[in-house]
């Protein structure tokens, strides 16, 4: 659900959203590690 809501592919197009994209990707990595 997070992937669909935050749409990393859209965030990646906007340099101003770089920190947001990093947080989303880290959340996915850490969430998957926990899973």
ModelCIF file with pLDDT and N, C-alpha, C, O atoms, coordinates in Angstrom:
data_MODEL
#
_entry.id   MODEL 
#
_entity.id                         1 
_entity.type                       polymer 
_entity.pdbx_number_of_molecules   1 
#
_entity_poly.entity_id                      1 
_entity_poly.type                           'polypeptide(L)' 
_entity_poly.nstd_linkage                   no 
_entity_poly.nstd_monomer                   no 
_entity_poly.pdbx_seq_one_letter_code       
;(UNK)(UNK)(UNK)(UNK)(UNK)(UNK)(UNK)(UNK)(UNK)(UNK)(UNK)(UNK)(UNK)(UNK)(UNK)(UNK)
(UNK)(UNK)(UNK)(UNK)(UNK)(UNK)(UNK)(UNK)(UNK)(UNK)(UNK)(UNK)(UNK)(UNK)(UNK)(UNK)
(UNK)(UNK)(UNK)
;
_entity_poly.pdbx_seq_one_letter_code_can   XXXXXXXXXXXXXXXXXXXXXXXXXXXXXXXXXXX 
_entity_poly.pdbx_strand_id                 A 
#
loop_
_entity_poly_seq.entity_id 
_entity_poly_seq.num 
_entity_poly_seq.mon_id 
_entity_poly_seq.hetero 
1 1  UNK n 
1 2  UNK n 
1 3  UNK n 
1 4  UNK n 
1 5  UNK n 
1 6  UNK n 
1 7  UNK n 
1 8  UNK n 
1 9  UNK n 
1 10 UNK n 
1 11 UNK n 
1 12 UNK n 
1 13 UNK n 
1 14 UNK n 
1 15 UNK n 
1 16 UNK n 
1 17 UNK n 
1 18 UNK n 
1 19 UNK n 
1 20 UNK n 
1 21 UNK n 
1 22 UNK n 
1 23 UNK n 
1 24 UNK n 
1 25 UNK n 
1 26 UNK n 
1 27 UNK n 
1 28 UNK n 
1 29 UNK n 
1 30 UNK n 
1 31 UNK n 
1 32 UNK n 
1 33 UNK n 
1 34 UNK n 
1 35 UNK n 
#
_struct_asym.id          A 
_struct_asym.entity_id   1 
#
loop_
_ma_qa_metric.id 
_ma_qa_metric.mode 
_ma_qa_metric.name 
_ma_qa_metric.software_group_id 
_ma_qa_metric.type 
1 global pLDDT . pLDDT 
2 local  pLDDT . pLDDT 
#
_ma_qa_metric_global.metric_id      1 
_ma_qa_metric_global.metric_value   93.80 
_ma_qa_metric_global.model_id       1 
_ma_qa_metric_global.ordinal_id     1 
#
loop_
_ma_qa_metric_local.label_asym_id 
_ma_qa_metric_local.label_comp_id 
_ma_qa_metric_local.label_seq_id 
_ma_qa_metric_local.metric_id 
_ma_qa_metric_local.metric_value 
_ma_qa_metric_local.model_id 
_ma_qa_metric_local.ordinal_id 
A UNK 1  2 95.00 1 1  
A UNK 2  2 94.00 1 2  
A UNK 3  2 94.00 1 3  
A UNK 4  2 94.00 1 4  
A UNK 5  2 93.00 1 5  
A UNK 6  2 93.00 1 6  
A UNK 7  2 94.00 1 7  
A UNK 8  2 94.00 1 8  
A UNK 9  2 94.00 1 9  
A UNK 10 2 95.00 1 10 
A UNK 11 2 93.00 1 11 
A UNK 12 2 93.00 1 12 
A UNK 13 2 94.00 1 13 
A UNK 14 2 94.00 1 14 
A UNK 15 2 93.00 1 15 
A UNK 16 2 95.00 1 16 
A UNK 17 2 94.00 1 17 
A UNK 18 2 93.00 1 18 
A UNK 19 2 92.00 1 19 
A UNK 20 2 93.00 1 20 
A UNK 21 2 93.00 1 21 
A UNK 22 2 92.00 1 22 
A UNK 23 2 92.00 1 23 
A UNK 24 2 94.00 1 24 
A UNK 25 2 94.00 1 25 
A UNK 26 2 93.00 1 26 
A UNK 27 2 93.00 1 27 
A UNK 28 2 95.00 1 28 
A UNK 29 2 94.00 1 29 
A UNK 30 2 94.00 1 30 
A UNK 31 2 94.00 1 31 
A UNK 32 2 95.00 1 32 
A UNK 33 2 95.00 1 33 
A UNK 34 2 95.00 1 34 
A UNK 35 2 96.00 1 35 
#
loop_
_atom_site.group_PDB 
_atom_site.id 
_atom_site.type_symbol 
_atom_site.label_atom_id 
_atom_site.label_alt_id 
_atom_site.label_comp_id 
_atom_site.label_asym_id 
_atom_site.label_entity_id 
_atom_site.label_seq_id 
_atom_site.pdbx_PDB_ins_code 
_atom_site.Cartn_x 
_atom_site.Cartn_y 
_atom_site.Cartn_z 
_atom_site.occupancy 
_atom_site.B_iso_or_equiv 
_atom_site.pdbx_formal_charge 
_atom_site.auth_seq_id 
_atom_site.auth_comp_id 
_atom_site.auth_asym_id 
_atom_site.auth_atom_id 
_atom_site.pdbx_PDB_model_num 
ATOM 1   N N  . UNK A 1 1  ? 0.836  -1.212  0.000   1.00 95.00 ? 1  UNK A N  1 
ATOM 2   C CA . UNK A 1 1  ? 0.000  0.000   0.000   1.00 95.00 ? 1  UNK A CA 1 
ATOM 3   C C  . UNK A 1 1  ? 0.865  1.255   0.000   1.00 95.00 ? 1  UNK A C  1 
ATOM 4   O O  . UNK A 1 1  ? 0.532  2.248   -0.647  1.00 95.00 ? 1  UNK A O  1 
ATOM 5   N N  . UNK A 1 2  ? 1.974  1.203   0.727   1.00 94.00 ? 2  UNK A N  1 
ATOM 6   C CA . UNK A 1 2  ? 2.872  2.350   0.783   1.00 94.00 ? 2  UNK A CA 1 
ATOM 7   C C  . UNK A 1 2  ? 3.427  2.671   -0.600  1.00 94.00 ? 2  UNK A C  1 
ATOM 8   O O  . UNK A 1 2  ? 3.518  3.838   -0.982  1.00 94.00 ? 2  UNK A O  1 
ATOM 9   N N  . UNK A 1 3  ? 3.793  1.640   -1.344  1.00 94.00 ? 3  UNK A N  1 
ATOM 10  C CA . UNK A 1 3  ? 4.319  1.856   -2.697  1.00 94.00 ? 3  UNK A CA 1 
ATOM 11  C C  . UNK A 1 3  ? 3.291  2.589   -3.544  1.00 94.00 ? 3  UNK A C  1 
ATOM 12  O O  . UNK A 1 3  ? 3.626  3.555   -4.230  1.00 94.00 ? 3  UNK A O  1 
ATOM 13  N N  . UNK A 1 4  ? 2.038  2.137   -3.502  1.00 94.00 ? 4  UNK A N  1 
ATOM 14  C CA . UNK A 1 4  ? 1.004  2.755   -4.333  1.00 94.00 ? 4  UNK A CA 1 
ATOM 15  C C  . UNK A 1 4  ? 0.679  4.167   -3.858  1.00 94.00 ? 4  UNK A C  1 
ATOM 16  O O  . UNK A 1 4  ? 0.424  5.052   -4.675  1.00 94.00 ? 4  UNK A O  1 
ATOM 17  N N  . UNK A 1 5  ? 0.686  4.384   -2.554  1.00 93.00 ? 5  UNK A N  1 
ATOM 18  C CA . UNK A 1 5  ? 0.336  5.705   -2.026  1.00 93.00 ? 5  UNK A CA 1 
ATOM 19  C C  . UNK A 1 5  ? 1.418  6.742   -2.299  1.00 93.00 ? 5  UNK A C  1 
ATOM 20  O O  . UNK A 1 5  ? 1.119  7.873   -2.683  1.00 93.00 ? 5  UNK A O  1 
ATOM 21  N N  . UNK A 1 6  ? 2.681  6.352   -2.097  1.00 93.00 ? 6  UNK A N  1 
ATOM 22  C CA . UNK A 1 6  ? 3.767  7.333   -2.211  1.00 93.00 ? 6  UNK A CA 1 
ATOM 23  C C  . UNK A 1 6  ? 4.365  7.394   -3.604  1.00 93.00 ? 6  UNK A C  1 
ATOM 24  O O  . UNK A 1 6  ? 5.054  8.362   -3.928  1.00 93.00 ? 6  UNK A O  1 
ATOM 25  N N  . UNK A 1 7  ? 4.124  6.393   -4.434  1.00 94.00 ? 7  UNK A N  1 
ATOM 26  C CA . UNK A 1 7  ? 4.569  6.401   -5.834  1.00 94.00 ? 7  UNK A CA 1 
ATOM 27  C C  . UNK A 1 7  ? 6.013  6.875   -5.988  1.00 94.00 ? 7  UNK A C  1 
ATOM 28  O O  . UNK A 1 7  ? 6.241  7.978   -6.485  1.00 94.00 ? 7  UNK A O  1 
ATOM 29  N N  . UNK A 1 8  ? 6.984  6.073   -5.578  1.00 94.00 ? 8  UNK A N  1 
ATOM 30  C CA . UNK A 1 8  ? 8.391  6.486   -5.673  1.00 94.00 ? 8  UNK A CA 1 
ATOM 31  C C  . UNK A 1 8  ? 8.804  6.934   -7.070  1.00 94.00 ? 8  UNK A C  1 
ATOM 32  O O  . UNK A 1 8  ? 9.662  7.807   -7.198  1.00 94.00 ? 8  UNK A O  1 
ATOM 33  N N  . UNK A 1 9  ? 8.222  6.365   -8.111  1.00 94.00 ? 9  UNK A N  1 
ATOM 34  C CA . UNK A 1 9  ? 8.567  6.737   -9.486  1.00 94.00 ? 9  UNK A CA 1 
ATOM 35  C C  . UNK A 1 9  ? 8.201  8.191   -9.789  1.00 94.00 ? 9  UNK A C  1 
ATOM 36  O O  . UNK A 1 9  ? 8.823  8.841   -10.629 1.00 94.00 ? 9  UNK A O  1 
ATOM 37  N N  . UNK A 1 10 ? 7.170  8.691   -9.080  1.00 95.00 ? 10 UNK A N  1 
ATOM 38  C CA . UNK A 1 10 ? 6.803  10.094  -9.235  1.00 95.00 ? 10 UNK A CA 1 
ATOM 39  C C  . UNK A 1 10 ? 7.724  10.982  -8.411  1.00 95.00 ? 10 UNK A C  1 
ATOM 40  O O  . UNK A 1 10 ? 8.168  12.029  -8.882  1.00 95.00 ? 10 UNK A O  1 
ATOM 41  N N  . UNK A 1 11 ? 8.012  10.563  -7.176  1.00 93.00 ? 11 UNK A N  1 
ATOM 42  C CA . UNK A 1 11 ? 8.918  11.338  -6.326  1.00 93.00 ? 11 UNK A CA 1 
ATOM 43  C C  . UNK A 1 11 ? 10.286 11.481  -6.979  1.00 93.00 ? 11 UNK A C  1 
ATOM 44  O O  . UNK A 1 11 ? 10.937 12.516  -6.838  1.00 93.00 ? 11 UNK A O  1 
ATOM 45  N N  . UNK A 1 12 ? 10.726 10.445  -7.693  1.00 93.00 ? 12 UNK A N  1 
ATOM 46  C CA . UNK A 1 12 ? 12.058 10.466  -8.293  1.00 93.00 ? 12 UNK A CA 1 
ATOM 47  C C  . UNK A 1 12 ? 12.196 11.541  -9.379  1.00 93.00 ? 12 UNK A C  1 
ATOM 48  O O  . UNK A 1 12 ? 13.311 11.928  -9.730  1.00 93.00 ? 12 UNK A O  1 
ATOM 49  N N  . UNK A 1 13 ? 11.081 12.015  -9.904  1.00 94.00 ? 13 UNK A N  1 
ATOM 50  C CA . UNK A 1 13 ? 11.130 13.019  -10.961 1.00 94.00 ? 13 UNK A CA 1 
ATOM 51  C C  . UNK A 1 13 ? 11.326 14.432  -10.416 1.00 94.00 ? 13 UNK A C  1 
ATOM 52  O O  . UNK A 1 13 ? 11.624 15.354  -11.175 1.00 94.00 ? 13 UNK A O  1 
ATOM 53  N N  . UNK A 1 14 ? 11.159 14.605  -9.097  1.00 94.00 ? 14 UNK A N  1 
ATOM 54  C CA . UNK A 1 14 ? 11.221 15.932  -8.488  1.00 94.00 ? 14 UNK A CA 1 
ATOM 55  C C  . UNK A 1 14 ? 12.403 15.996  -7.524  1.00 94.00 ? 14 UNK A C  1 
ATOM 56  O O  . UNK A 1 14 ? 12.337 15.393  -6.453  1.00 94.00 ? 14 UNK A O  1 
ATOM 57  N N  . UNK A 1 15 ? 13.473 16.699  -7.860  1.00 93.00 ? 15 UNK A N  1 
ATOM 58  C CA . UNK A 1 15 ? 14.633 16.793  -6.960  1.00 93.00 ? 15 UNK A CA 1 
ATOM 59  C C  . UNK A 1 15 ? 14.275 17.317  -5.579  1.00 93.00 ? 15 UNK A C  1 
ATOM 60  O O  . UNK A 1 15 ? 14.952 16.983  -4.607  1.00 93.00 ? 15 UNK A O  1 
ATOM 61  N N  . UNK A 1 16 ? 13.236 18.125  -5.465  1.00 95.00 ? 16 UNK A N  1 
ATOM 62  C CA . UNK A 1 16 ? 12.848 18.667  -4.163  1.00 95.00 ? 16 UNK A CA 1 
ATOM 63  C C  . UNK A 1 16 ? 12.282 17.590  -3.243  1.00 95.00 ? 16 UNK A C  1 
ATOM 64  O O  . UNK A 1 16 ? 12.178 17.794  -2.033  1.00 95.00 ? 16 UNK A O  1 
ATOM 65  N N  . UNK A 1 17 ? 11.921 16.459  -3.808  1.00 94.00 ? 17 UNK A N  1 
ATOM 66  C CA . UNK A 1 17 ? 11.350 15.364  -3.026  1.00 94.00 ? 17 UNK A CA 1 
ATOM 67  C C  . UNK A 1 17 ? 12.381 14.266  -2.726  1.00 94.00 ? 17 UNK A C  1 
ATOM 68  O O  . UNK A 1 17 ? 12.020 13.145  -2.367  1.00 94.00 ? 17 UNK A O  1 
ATOM 69  N N  . UNK A 1 18 ? 13.662 14.606  -2.879  1.00 93.00 ? 18 UNK A N  1 
ATOM 70  C CA . UNK A 1 18 ? 14.706 13.585  -2.715  1.00 93.00 ? 18 UNK A CA 1 
ATOM 71  C C  . UNK A 1 18 ? 14.692 12.978  -1.316  1.00 93.00 ? 18 UNK A C  1 
ATOM 72  O O  . UNK A 1 18 ? 14.814 11.762  -1.168  1.00 93.00 ? 18 UNK A O  1 
ATOM 73  N N  . UNK A 1 19 ? 14.544 13.819  -0.281  1.00 92.00 ? 19 UNK A N  1 
ATOM 74  C CA . UNK A 1 19 ? 14.532 13.293  1.091   1.00 92.00 ? 19 UNK A CA 1 
ATOM 75  C C  . UNK A 1 19 ? 13.315 12.412  1.329   1.00 92.00 ? 19 UNK A C  1 
ATOM 76  O O  . UNK A 1 19 ? 13.402 11.394  2.014   1.00 92.00 ? 19 UNK A O  1 
ATOM 77  N N  . UNK A 1 20 ? 12.182 12.807  0.760   1.00 93.00 ? 20 UNK A N  1 
ATOM 78  C CA . UNK A 1 20 ? 10.958 12.008  0.910   1.00 93.00 ? 20 UNK A CA 1 
ATOM 79  C C  . UNK A 1 20 ? 11.140 10.647  0.252   1.00 93.00 ? 20 UNK A C  1 
ATOM 80  O O  . UNK A 1 20 ? 10.762 9.617   0.810   1.00 93.00 ? 20 UNK A O  1 
ATOM 81  N N  . UNK A 1 21 ? 11.726 10.661  -0.943  1.00 93.00 ? 21 UNK A N  1 
ATOM 82  C CA . UNK A 1 21 ? 11.974 9.400   -1.650  1.00 93.00 ? 21 UNK A CA 1 
ATOM 83  C C  . UNK A 1 21 ? 12.904 8.505   -0.827  1.00 93.00 ? 21 UNK A C  1 
ATOM 84  O O  . UNK A 1 21 ? 12.675 7.300   -0.723  1.00 93.00 ? 21 UNK A O  1 
ATOM 85  N N  . UNK A 1 22 ? 13.950 9.093   -0.243  1.00 92.00 ? 22 UNK A N  1 
ATOM 86  C CA . UNK A 1 22 ? 14.866 8.300   0.578   1.00 92.00 ? 22 UNK A CA 1 
ATOM 87  C C  . UNK A 1 22 ? 14.132 7.646   1.748   1.00 92.00 ? 22 UNK A C  1 
ATOM 88  O O  . UNK A 1 22 ? 14.350 6.473   2.051   1.00 92.00 ? 22 UNK A O  1 
ATOM 89  N N  . UNK A 1 23 ? 13.256 8.420   2.403   1.00 92.00 ? 23 UNK A N  1 
ATOM 90  C CA . UNK A 1 23 ? 12.509 7.876   3.551   1.00 92.00 ? 23 UNK A CA 1 
ATOM 91  C C  . UNK A 1 23 ? 11.597 6.739   3.118   1.00 92.00 ? 23 UNK A C  1 
ATOM 92  O O  . UNK A 1 23 ? 11.470 5.738   3.822   1.00 92.00 ? 23 UNK A O  1 
ATOM 93  N N  . UNK A 1 24 ? 10.962 6.893   1.959   1.00 94.00 ? 24 UNK A N  1 
ATOM 94  C CA . UNK A 1 24 ? 10.069 5.850   1.458   1.00 94.00 ? 24 UNK A CA 1 
ATOM 95  C C  . UNK A 1 24 ? 10.859 4.583   1.144   1.00 94.00 ? 24 UNK A C  1 
ATOM 96  O O  . UNK A 1 24 ? 10.461 3.484   1.530   1.00 94.00 ? 24 UNK A O  1 
ATOM 97  N N  . UNK A 1 25 ? 11.961 4.740   0.454   1.00 94.00 ? 25 UNK A N  1 
ATOM 98  C CA . UNK A 1 25 ? 12.769 3.569   0.091   1.00 94.00 ? 25 UNK A CA 1 
ATOM 99  C C  . UNK A 1 25 ? 13.340 2.883   1.331   1.00 94.00 ? 25 UNK A C  1 
ATOM 100 O O  . UNK A 1 25 ? 13.364 1.655   1.411   1.00 94.00 ? 25 UNK A O  1 
ATOM 101 N N  . UNK A 1 26 ? 13.803 3.687   2.305   1.00 93.00 ? 26 UNK A N  1 
ATOM 102 C CA . UNK A 1 26 ? 14.310 3.080   3.531   1.00 93.00 ? 26 UNK A CA 1 
ATOM 103 C C  . UNK A 1 26 ? 13.194 2.352   4.269   1.00 93.00 ? 26 UNK A C  1 
ATOM 104 O O  . UNK A 1 26 ? 13.416 1.278   4.828   1.00 93.00 ? 26 UNK A O  1 
ATOM 105 N N  . UNK A 1 27 ? 11.989 2.935   4.274   1.00 93.00 ? 27 UNK A N  1 
ATOM 106 C CA . UNK A 1 27 ? 10.859 2.270   4.925   1.00 93.00 ? 27 UNK A CA 1 
ATOM 107 C C  . UNK A 1 27 ? 10.557 0.929   4.285   1.00 93.00 ? 27 UNK A C  1 
ATOM 108 O O  . UNK A 1 27 ? 10.258 -0.043  4.979   1.00 93.00 ? 27 UNK A O  1 
ATOM 109 N N  . UNK A 1 28 ? 10.635 0.874   2.946   1.00 95.00 ? 28 UNK A N  1 
ATOM 110 C CA . UNK A 1 28 ? 10.395 -0.395  2.254   1.00 95.00 ? 28 UNK A CA 1 
ATOM 111 C C  . UNK A 1 28 ? 11.489 -1.405  2.571   1.00 95.00 ? 28 UNK A C  1 
ATOM 112 O O  . UNK A 1 28 ? 11.203 -2.576  2.819   1.00 95.00 ? 28 UNK A O  1 
ATOM 113 N N  . UNK A 1 29 ? 12.748 -0.954  2.564   1.00 94.00 ? 29 UNK A N  1 
ATOM 114 C CA . UNK A 1 29 ? 13.854 -1.868  2.857   1.00 94.00 ? 29 UNK A CA 1 
ATOM 115 C C  . UNK A 1 29 ? 13.758 -2.417  4.286   1.00 94.00 ? 29 UNK A C  1 
ATOM 116 O O  . UNK A 1 29 ? 13.919 -3.616  4.510   1.00 94.00 ? 29 UNK A O  1 
ATOM 117 N N  . UNK A 1 30 ? 13.495 -1.532  5.240   1.00 94.00 ? 30 UNK A N  1 
ATOM 118 C CA . UNK A 1 30 ? 13.424 -1.974  6.635   1.00 94.00 ? 30 UNK A CA 1 
ATOM 119 C C  . UNK A 1 30 ? 12.177 -2.817  6.898   1.00 94.00 ? 30 UNK A C  1 
ATOM 120 O O  . UNK A 1 30 ? 12.213 -3.781  7.664   1.00 94.00 ? 30 UNK A O  1 
ATOM 121 N N  . UNK A 1 31 ? 11.084 -2.440  6.255   1.00 94.00 ? 31 UNK A N  1 
ATOM 122 C CA . UNK A 1 31 ? 9.872  -3.238  6.417   1.00 94.00 ? 31 UNK A CA 1 
ATOM 123 C C  . UNK A 1 31 ? 10.042 -4.632  5.859   1.00 94.00 ? 31 UNK A C  1 
ATOM 124 O O  . UNK A 1 31 ? 9.635  -5.612  6.483   1.00 94.00 ? 31 UNK A O  1 
ATOM 125 N N  . UNK A 1 32 ? 10.648 -4.728  4.673   1.00 95.00 ? 32 UNK A N  1 
ATOM 126 C CA . UNK A 1 32 ? 10.890 -6.040  4.069   1.00 95.00 ? 32 UNK A CA 1 
ATOM 127 C C  . UNK A 1 32 ? 11.887 -6.850  4.884   1.00 95.00 ? 32 UNK A C  1 
ATOM 128 O O  . UNK A 1 32 ? 11.751 -8.068  4.999   1.00 95.00 ? 32 UNK A O  1 
ATOM 129 N N  . UNK A 1 33 ? 12.887 -6.184  5.451   1.00 95.00 ? 33 UNK A N  1 
ATOM 130 C CA . UNK A 1 33 ? 13.844 -6.903  6.299   1.00 95.00 ? 33 UNK A CA 1 
ATOM 131 C C  . UNK A 1 33 ? 13.121 -7.510  7.504   1.00 95.00 ? 33 UNK A C  1 
ATOM 132 O O  . UNK A 1 33 ? 13.375 -8.659  7.868   1.00 95.00 ? 33 UNK A O  1 
ATOM 133 N N  . UNK A 1 34 ? 12.222 -6.739  8.119   1.00 95.00 ? 34 UNK A N  1 
ATOM 134 C CA . UNK A 1 34 ? 11.460 -7.254  9.258   1.00 95.00 ? 34 UNK A CA 1 
ATOM 135 C C  . UNK A 1 34 ? 10.572 -8.423  8.837   1.00 95.00 ? 34 UNK A C  1 
ATOM 136 O O  . UNK A 1 34 ? 10.470 -9.423  9.547   1.00 95.00 ? 34 UNK A O  1 
ATOM 137 N N  . UNK A 1 35 ? 9.931  -8.288  7.679   1.00 96.00 ? 35 UNK A N  1 
ATOM 138 C CA . UNK A 1 35 ? 9.072  -9.367  7.178   1.00 96.00 ? 35 UNK A CA 1 
ATOM 139 C C  . UNK A 1 35 ? 9.882  -10.641 6.958   1.00 96.00 ? 35 UNK A C  1 
ATOM 140 O O  . UNK A 1 35 ? 9.331  -11.658 6.538   1.00 96.00 ? 35 UNK A O  1 
#
